[in-house]
C-alpha atoms as a PDB file:
ATOM      1  CA  MET A   1     -14.562 -10.728 -12.197  1.00  0.00           C
ATOM      2  CA  THR A   2     -14.052  -7.068 -12.987  1.00  0.00           C
ATOM      3  CA  CYS A   3     -12.230  -5.511 -10.073  1.00  0.00           C
ATOM      4  CA  LEU A   4      -9.500  -4.044 -12.201  1.00  0.00           C
ATOM      5  CA  SER A   5      -8.297  -0.477 -12.116  1.00  0.00           C
ATOM      6  CA  LEU A   6      -5.519   0.449 -14.509  1.00  0.00           C
ATOM      7  CA  PRO A   7      -4.968   4.149 -15.158  1.00  0.00           C
ATOM      8  CA  GLY A   8      -5.492   4.865 -18.847  1.00  0.00           C
ATOM      9  CA  PHE A   9      -7.422   1.661 -19.557  1.00  0.00           C
ATOM     10  CA  ARG A  10     -11.149   0.970 -19.520  1.00  0.00           C
ATOM     11  CA  VAL A  11     -12.697  -2.511 -19.472  1.00  0.00           C
ATOM     12  CA  ILE A  12     -15.034  -2.744 -22.457  1.00  0.00           C
ATOM     13  CA  ALA A  13     -15.812  -6.479 -22.325  1.00  0.00           C
ATOM     14  CA  GLU A  14     -15.033  -9.553 -20.285  1.00  0.00           C
ATOM     15  CA  SER A  15     -15.665 -13.198 -20.982  1.00  0.00           C
ATOM     16  CA  HIS A  16     -14.968 -16.462 -19.230  1.00  0.00           C
ATOM     17  CA  ARG A  17     -13.442 -19.229 -21.313  1.00  0.00           C
ATOM     18  CA  ALA A  18     -14.708 -22.223 -19.381  1.00  0.00           C
ATOM     19  CA  GLY A  19     -12.843 -24.751 -21.530  1.00  0.00           C
ATOM     20  CA  TYR A  20      -9.566 -23.179 -20.453  1.00  0.00           C
ATOM     21  CA  GLY A  21     -10.639 -21.920 -17.036  1.00  0.00           C
ATOM     22  CA  LEU A  22      -9.511 -18.421 -18.054  1.00  0.00           C
ATOM     23  CA  TRP A  23     -10.956 -14.940 -18.220  1.00  0.00           C
ATOM     24  CA  LYS A  24     -10.412 -12.570 -21.128  1.00  0.00           C
ATOM     25  CA  LEU A  25     -10.667  -8.806 -20.765  1.00  0.00           C
ATOM     26  CA  ASP A  26     -10.928  -6.367 -23.654  1.00  0.00           C
ATOM     27  CA  LEU A  27      -9.364  -3.068 -22.619  1.00  0.00           C
ATOM     28  CA  ALA A  28      -9.799   0.288 -24.364  1.00  0.00           C
ATOM     29  CA  LEU A  29      -6.729   2.490 -24.753  1.00  0.00           C
ATOM     30  CA  PRO A  30      -6.906   6.297 -24.624  1.00  0.00           C
ATOM     31  CA  ASP A  31      -5.982   6.519 -28.342  1.00  0.00           C
ATOM     32  CA  GLY A  32      -8.966   4.329 -29.356  1.00  0.00           C
ATOM     33  CA  GLY A  33      -7.032   1.067 -29.668  1.00  0.00           C
ATOM     34  CA  THR A  34      -7.927  -2.127 -27.825  1.00  0.00           C
ATOM     35  CA  VAL A  35      -5.965  -4.826 -26.011  1.00  0.00           C
ATOM     36  CA  GLU A  36      -7.022  -8.373 -25.142  1.00  0.00           C
ATOM     37  CA  TRP A  37      -5.703  -9.443 -21.745  1.00  0.00           C
ATOM     38  CA  PHE A  38      -5.702 -13.024 -20.458  1.00  0.00           C
ATOM     39  CA  PRO A  39      -4.799 -12.923 -16.739  1.00  0.00           C
ATOM     40  CA  LEU A  40      -3.300 -16.208 -15.576  1.00  0.00           C
ATOM     41  CA  PRO A  41      -4.774 -17.841 -12.447  1.00  0.00           C
ATOM     42  CA  ASP A  42      -1.374 -18.901 -11.046  1.00  0.00           C
ATOM     43  CA  PRO A  43       1.329 -16.876 -12.786  1.00  0.00           C
ATOM     44  CA  PRO A  44       4.927 -18.008 -12.335  1.00  0.00           C
ATOM     45  CA  LEU A  45       7.087 -16.078  -9.906  1.00  0.00           C
ATOM     46  CA  ARG A  46       9.439 -13.620 -11.561  1.00  0.00           C
ATOM     47  CA  SER A  47      12.671 -12.281 -10.218  1.00  0.00           C
ATOM     48  CA  LEU A  48      13.555  -8.619 -10.515  1.00  0.00           C
END
């Protein structure tokens, strides 16, 4: 799944949660912190 390029972030792990049909990415921040990201397959449209 990894085809992600976000300046300042590095993918350190990815896992598929089959029970939910979702992916989870663990991203490393420049300051050493981490973020878990759950991209949604069909996100709702948002207005600006």
